[in-house]
Each structure stands twice: as C-alpha cells, then as structure tokens.
Amino acid sequence: MTQSQPTVAPKSVEPKFGFNGYAERLNGRAAMVGFSMALLIEFLTGQGVLNWLGLH
C-alpha cells in the first residue's frame, strides 16, 4: 500500500517582523542610500562625514 502525495501545498503567511525578504530588501536599499549620501557629502564639502558633523 502506497501513500498518496498531497495535491495542494499549504499557504504560508510571510512574517510581519524578523528576517524576511521585504525587510532585508528595505534594509539594503536604506544602506545604499546612506552610503551614497556619505560619498556625496564628502565630495561636495571636501571633508569626511564625521568632520562635517563636527564629531572629529
């Protein structure tokens, strides 16, 4: 006697918090924007971000 395979896969709900695809994609985009802004500030002012903020 053989067992039959299910015909329909269960629907899984994407988690609302934690490590999920949307959160990781959003975090990566925010990091890219932040890094680009840091490079732009350094290029336009001629000093590093810490100097520009008065922290160094």
PDB file of N, CA and C in Angstrom:
ATOM      1  N   MET A   1       0.840  -1.179   0.000  1.00  0.00           N
ATOM      2  CA  MET A   1       0.000   0.000   0.000  1.00  0.00           C
ATOM      3  C   MET A   1       0.890   1.250   0.000  1.00  0.00           C
ATOM      4  N   THR A   2       0.680   2.155  -0.966  1.00  0.00           N
ATOM      5  CA  THR A   2       1.482   3.376  -1.062  1.00  0.00           C
ATOM      6  C   THR A   2       0.661   4.567  -0.595  1.00  0.00           C
ATOM      7  N   GLN A   3       1.373   5.539  -0.077  1.00  0.00           N
ATOM      8  CA  GLN A   3       0.694   6.762   0.360  1.00  0.00           C
ATOM      9  C   GLN A   3       0.648   7.746  -0.798  1.00  0.00           C
ATOM     10  N   SER A   4      -0.463   8.462  -0.912  1.00  0.00           N
ATOM     11  CA  SER A   4      -0.582   9.444  -1.975  1.00  0.00           C
ATOM     12  C   SER A   4      -0.020  10.795  -1.501  1.00  0.00           C
ATOM     13  N   GLN A   5       0.488  11.564  -2.448  1.00  0.00           N
ATOM     14  CA  GLN A   5       1.041  12.882  -2.139  1.00  0.00           C
ATOM     15  C   GLN A   5      -0.087  13.912  -2.108  1.00  0.00           C
ATOM     16  N   PRO A   6       0.042  14.945  -1.268  1.00  0.00           N
ATOM     17  CA  PRO A   6      -0.989  15.982  -1.244  1.00  0.00           C
ATOM     18  C   PRO A   6      -1.034  16.729  -2.576  1.00  0.00           C
ATOM     19  N   THR A   7      -2.209  17.172  -2.955  1.00  0.00           N
ATOM     20  CA  THR A   7      -2.372  17.850  -4.237  1.00  0.00           C
ATOM     21  C   THR A   7      -2.211  19.361  -4.109  1.00  0.00           C
ATOM     22  N   VAL A   8      -2.404  19.911  -2.918  1.00  0.00           N
ATOM     23  CA  VAL A   8      -2.322  21.358  -2.721  1.00  0.00           C
ATOM     24  C   VAL A   8      -1.327  21.640  -1.603  1.00  0.00           C
ATOM     25  N   ALA A   9      -0.424  22.591  -1.856  1.00  0.00           N
ATOM     26  CA  ALA A   9       0.537  22.991  -0.825  1.00  0.00           C
ATOM     27  C   ALA A   9      -0.128  23.996   0.112  1.00  0.00           C
ATOM     28  N   PRO A  10       0.179  23.955   1.404  1.00  0.00           N
ATOM     29  CA  PRO A  10      -0.411  24.922   2.331  1.00  0.00           C
ATOM     30  C   PRO A  10       0.097  26.334   2.053  1.00  0.00           C
ATOM     31  N   LYS A  11      -0.757  27.304   2.261  1.00  0.00           N
ATOM     32  CA  LYS A  11      -0.391  28.704   2.063  1.00  0.00           C
ATOM     33  C   LYS A  11       0.312  29.194   3.327  1.00  0.00           C
ATOM     34  N   SER A  12       1.555  29.624   3.189  1.00  0.00           N
ATOM     35  CA  SER A  12       2.272  30.160   4.344  1.00  0.00           C
ATOM     36  C   SER A  12       2.222  31.685   4.288  1.00  0.00           C
ATOM     37  N   VAL A  13       2.048  32.283   5.431  1.00  0.00           N
ATOM     38  CA  VAL A  13       1.952  33.734   5.531  1.00  0.00           C
ATOM     39  C   VAL A  13       3.342  34.291   5.802  1.00  0.00           C
ATOM     40  N   GLU A  14       3.712  35.328   5.065  1.00  0.00           N
ATOM     41  CA  GLU A  14       5.002  35.985   5.268  1.00  0.00           C
ATOM     42  C   GLU A  14       5.014  36.625   6.653  1.00  0.00           C
ATOM     43  N   PRO A  15       6.085  36.420   7.444  1.00  0.00           N
ATOM     44  CA  PRO A  15       6.113  37.008   8.787  1.00  0.00           C
ATOM     45  C   PRO A  15       6.131  38.530   8.729  1.00  0.00           C
ATOM     46  N   LYS A  16       5.537  39.169   9.716  1.00  0.00           N
ATOM     47  CA  LYS A  16       5.439  40.629   9.742  1.00  0.00           C
ATOM     48  C   LYS A  16       6.708  41.273  10.295  1.00  0.00           C
ATOM     49  N   PHE A  17       7.542  40.525  11.009  1.00  0.00           N
ATOM     50  CA  PHE A  17       8.778  41.070  11.551  1.00  0.00           C
ATOM     51  C   PHE A  17       9.856  40.000  11.477  1.00  0.00           C
ATOM     52  N   GLY A  18      11.095  40.398  11.744  1.00  0.00           N
ATOM     53  CA  GLY A  18      12.197  39.438  11.695  1.00  0.00           C
ATOM     54  C   GLY A  18      12.848  39.422  10.328  1.00  0.00           C
ATOM     55  N   PHE A  19      13.571  38.360  10.047  1.00  0.00           N
ATOM     56  CA  PHE A  19      14.298  38.235   8.797  1.00  0.00           C
ATOM     57  C   PHE A  19      13.363  37.706   7.711  1.00  0.00           C
ATOM     58  N   ASN A  20      12.837  38.612   6.927  1.00  0.00           N
ATOM     59  CA  ASN A  20      12.056  38.194   5.765  1.00  0.00           C
ATOM     60  C   ASN A  20      12.561  38.956   4.550  1.00  0.00           C
ATOM     61  N   GLY A  21      12.128  38.570   3.407  1.00  0.00           N
ATOM     62  CA  GLY A  21      12.644  39.160   2.171  1.00  0.00           C
ATOM     63  C   GLY A  21      12.420  40.650   2.068  1.00  0.00           C
ATOM     64  N   TYR A  22      11.238  41.105   2.446  1.00  0.00           N
ATOM     65  CA  TYR A  22      10.931  42.528   2.329  1.00  0.00           C
ATOM     66  C   TYR A  22      11.802  43.360   3.260  1.00  0.00           C
ATOM     67  N   ALA A  23      11.958  42.936   4.515  1.00  0.00           N
ATOM     68  CA  ALA A  23      12.753  43.688   5.478  1.00  0.00           C
ATOM     69  C   ALA A  23      14.217  43.747   5.046  1.00  0.00           C
ATOM     70  N   GLU A  24      14.743  42.651   4.532  1.00  0.00           N
ATOM     71  CA  GLU A  24      16.138  42.632   4.100  1.00  0.00           C
ATOM     72  C   GLU A  24      16.343  43.520   2.872  1.00  0.00           C
ATOM     73  N   ARG A  25      15.402  43.510   1.963  1.00  0.00           N
ATOM     74  CA  ARG A  25      15.493  44.362   0.773  1.00  0.00           C
ATOM     75  C   ARG A  25      15.433  45.837   1.164  1.00  0.00           C
ATOM     76  N   LEU A  26      14.537  46.179   2.073  1.00  0.00           N
ATOM     77  CA  LEU A  26      14.409  47.564   2.528  1.00  0.00           C
ATOM     78  C   LEU A  26      15.679  48.007   3.255  1.00  0.00           C
ATOM     79  N   ASN A  27      16.242  47.155   4.086  1.00  0.00           N
ATOM     80  CA  ASN A  27      17.466  47.474   4.811  1.00  0.00           C
ATOM     81  C   ASN A  27      18.629  47.690   3.836  1.00  0.00           C
ATOM     82  N   GLY A  28      18.722  46.865   2.831  1.00  0.00           N
ATOM     83  CA  GLY A  28      19.780  47.020   1.837  1.00  0.00           C
ATOM     84  C   GLY A  28      19.655  48.322   1.066  1.00  0.00           C
ATOM     85  N   ARG A  29      18.448  48.686   0.712  1.00  0.00           N
ATOM     86  CA  ARG A  29      18.236  49.951  -0.011  1.00  0.00           C
ATOM     87  C   ARG A  29      18.563  51.147   0.867  1.00  0.00           C
ATOM     88  N   ALA A  30      18.181  51.096   2.135  1.00  0.00           N
ATOM     89  CA  ALA A  30      18.493  52.192   3.049  1.00  0.00           C
ATOM     90  C   ALA A  30      20.007  52.327   3.225  1.00  0.00           C
ATOM     91  N   ALA A  31      20.713  51.210   3.295  1.00  0.00           N
ATOM     92  CA  ALA A  31      22.169  51.246   3.425  1.00  0.00           C
ATOM     93  C   ALA A  31      22.812  51.854   2.179  1.00  0.00           C
ATOM     94  N   MET A  32      22.294  51.508   0.995  1.00  0.00           N
ATOM     95  CA  MET A  32      22.838  52.073  -0.241  1.00  0.00           C
ATOM     96  C   MET A  32      22.618  53.573  -0.306  1.00  0.00           C
ATOM     97  N   VAL A  33      21.443  54.042   0.102  1.00  0.00           N
ATOM     98  CA  VAL A  33      21.158  55.480   0.102  1.00  0.00           C
ATOM     99  C   VAL A  33      22.073  56.186   1.095  1.00  0.00           C
ATOM    100  N   GLY A  34      22.234  55.631   2.293  1.00  0.00           N
ATOM    101  CA  GLY A  34      23.106  56.238   3.294  1.00  0.00           C
ATOM    102  C   GLY A  34      24.545  56.320   2.835  1.00  0.00           C
ATOM    103  N   PHE A  35      25.050  55.253   2.234  1.00  0.00           N
ATOM    104  CA  PHE A  35      26.423  55.253   1.739  1.00  0.00           C
ATOM    105  C   PHE A  35      26.590  56.268   0.608  1.00  0.00           C
ATOM    106  N   SER A  36      25.616  56.340  -0.283  1.00  0.00           N
ATOM    107  CA  SER A  36      25.683  57.304  -1.387  1.00  0.00           C
ATOM    108  C   SER A  36      25.668  58.735  -0.859  1.00  0.00           C
ATOM    109  N   MET A  37      24.854  58.997   0.153  1.00  0.00           N
ATOM    110  CA  MET A  37      24.806  60.340   0.737  1.00  0.00           C
ATOM    111  C   MET A  37      26.133  60.689   1.414  1.00  0.00           C
ATOM    112  N   ALA A  38      26.748  59.723   2.092  1.00  0.00           N
ATOM    113  CA  ALA A  38      28.045  59.966   2.728  1.00  0.00           C
ATOM    114  C   ALA A  38      29.102  60.312   1.675  1.00  0.00           C
ATOM    115  N   LEU A  39      29.095  59.588   0.554  1.00  0.00           N
ATOM    116  CA  LEU A  39      30.041  59.904  -0.518  1.00  0.00           C
ATOM    117  C   LEU A  39      29.766  61.279  -1.116  1.00  0.00           C
ATOM    118  N   LEU A  40      28.511  61.622  -1.287  1.00  0.00           N
ATOM    119  CA  LEU A  40      28.151  62.912  -1.849  1.00  0.00           C
ATOM    120  C   LEU A  40      28.566  64.052  -0.925  1.00  0.00           C
ATOM    121  N   ILE A  41      28.340  63.897   0.371  1.00  0.00           N
ATOM    122  CA  ILE A  41      28.747  64.923   1.339  1.00  0.00           C
ATOM    123  C   ILE A  41      30.261  65.099   1.309  1.00  0.00           C
ATOM    124  N   GLU A  42      30.984  63.991   1.267  1.00  0.00           N
ATOM    125  CA  GLU A  42      32.444  64.081   1.241  1.00  0.00           C
ATOM    126  C   GLU A  42      32.930  64.748  -0.043  1.00  0.00           C
ATOM    127  N   PHE A  43      32.301  64.450  -1.146  1.00  0.00           N
ATOM    128  CA  PHE A  43      32.694  65.043  -2.422  1.00  0.00           C
ATOM    129  C   PHE A  43      32.402  66.543  -2.450  1.00  0.00           C
ATOM    130  N   LEU A  44      31.223  66.953  -1.972  1.00  0.00           N
ATOM    131  CA  LEU A  44      30.823  68.357  -2.044  1.00  0.00           C
ATOM    132  C   LEU A  44      31.531  69.253  -1.025  1.00  0.00           C
ATOM    133  N   THR A  45      31.799  68.725   0.166  1.00  0.00           N
ATOM    134  CA  THR A  45      32.392  69.561   1.209  1.00  0.00           C
ATOM    135  C   THR A  45      33.904  69.426   1.303  1.00  0.00           C
ATOM    136  N   GLY A  46      34.461  68.362   0.766  1.00  0.00           N
ATOM    137  CA  GLY A  46      35.895  68.154   0.835  1.00  0.00           C
ATOM    138  C   GLY A  46      36.363  67.627   2.177  1.00  0.00           C
ATOM    139  N   GLN A  47      35.465  67.248   3.038  1.00  0.00           N
ATOM    140  CA  GLN A  47      35.821  66.672   4.332  1.00  0.00           C
ATOM    141  C   GLN A  47      34.940  65.463   4.598  1.00  0.00           C
ATOM    142  N   GLY A  48      35.398  64.625   5.508  1.00  0.00           N
ATOM    143  CA  GLY A  48      34.658  63.419   5.825  1.00  0.00           C
ATOM    144  C   GLY A  48      33.352  63.712   6.556  1.00  0.00           C
ATOM    145  N   VAL A  49      32.501  62.713   6.665  1.00  0.00           N
ATOM    146  CA  VAL A  49      31.200  62.881   7.299  1.00  0.00           C
ATOM    147  C   VAL A  49      31.347  63.244   8.772  1.00  0.00           C
ATOM    148  N   LEU A  50      32.295  62.607   9.467  1.00  0.00           N
ATOM    149  CA  LEU A  50      32.481  62.924  10.881  1.00  0.00           C
ATOM    150  C   LEU A  50      32.946  64.354  11.076  1.00  0.00           C
ATOM    151  N   ASN A  51      33.841  64.842  10.224  1.00  0.00           N
ATOM    152  CA  ASN A  51      34.260  66.237  10.291  1.00  0.00           C
ATOM    153  C   ASN A  51      33.102  67.176   9.967  1.00  0.00           C
ATOM    154  N   TRP A  52      32.320  66.821   8.971  1.00  0.00           N
ATOM    155  CA  TRP A  52      31.191  67.643   8.554  1.00  0.00           C
ATOM    156  C   TRP A  52      30.164  67.758   9.678  1.00  0.00           C
ATOM    157  N   LEU A  53      29.995  66.676  10.428  1.00  0.00           N
ATOM    158  CA  LEU A  53      29.062  66.705  11.561  1.00  0.00           C
ATOM    159  C   LEU A  53      29.675  67.325  12.818  1.00  0.00           C
ATOM    160  N   GLY A  54      30.986  67.596  12.811  1.00  0.00           N
ATOM    161  CA  GLY A  54      31.654  68.186  13.956  1.00  0.00           C
ATOM    162  C   GLY A  54      31.980  67.174  15.039  1.00  0.00           C
ATOM    163  N   LEU A  55      32.098  65.907  14.685  1.00  0.00           N
ATOM    164  CA  LEU A  55      32.375  64.866  15.661  1.00  0.00           C
ATOM    165  C   LEU A  55      33.843  64.449  15.682  1.00  0.00           C
ATOM    166  N   HIS A  56      34.640  64.984  14.793  1.00  0.00           N
ATOM    167  CA  HIS A  56      36.045  64.563  14.743  1.00  0.00           C
ATOM    168  C   HIS A  56      36.937  65.756  14.800  1.00  0.00           C
TER     169      HIS A  56
END
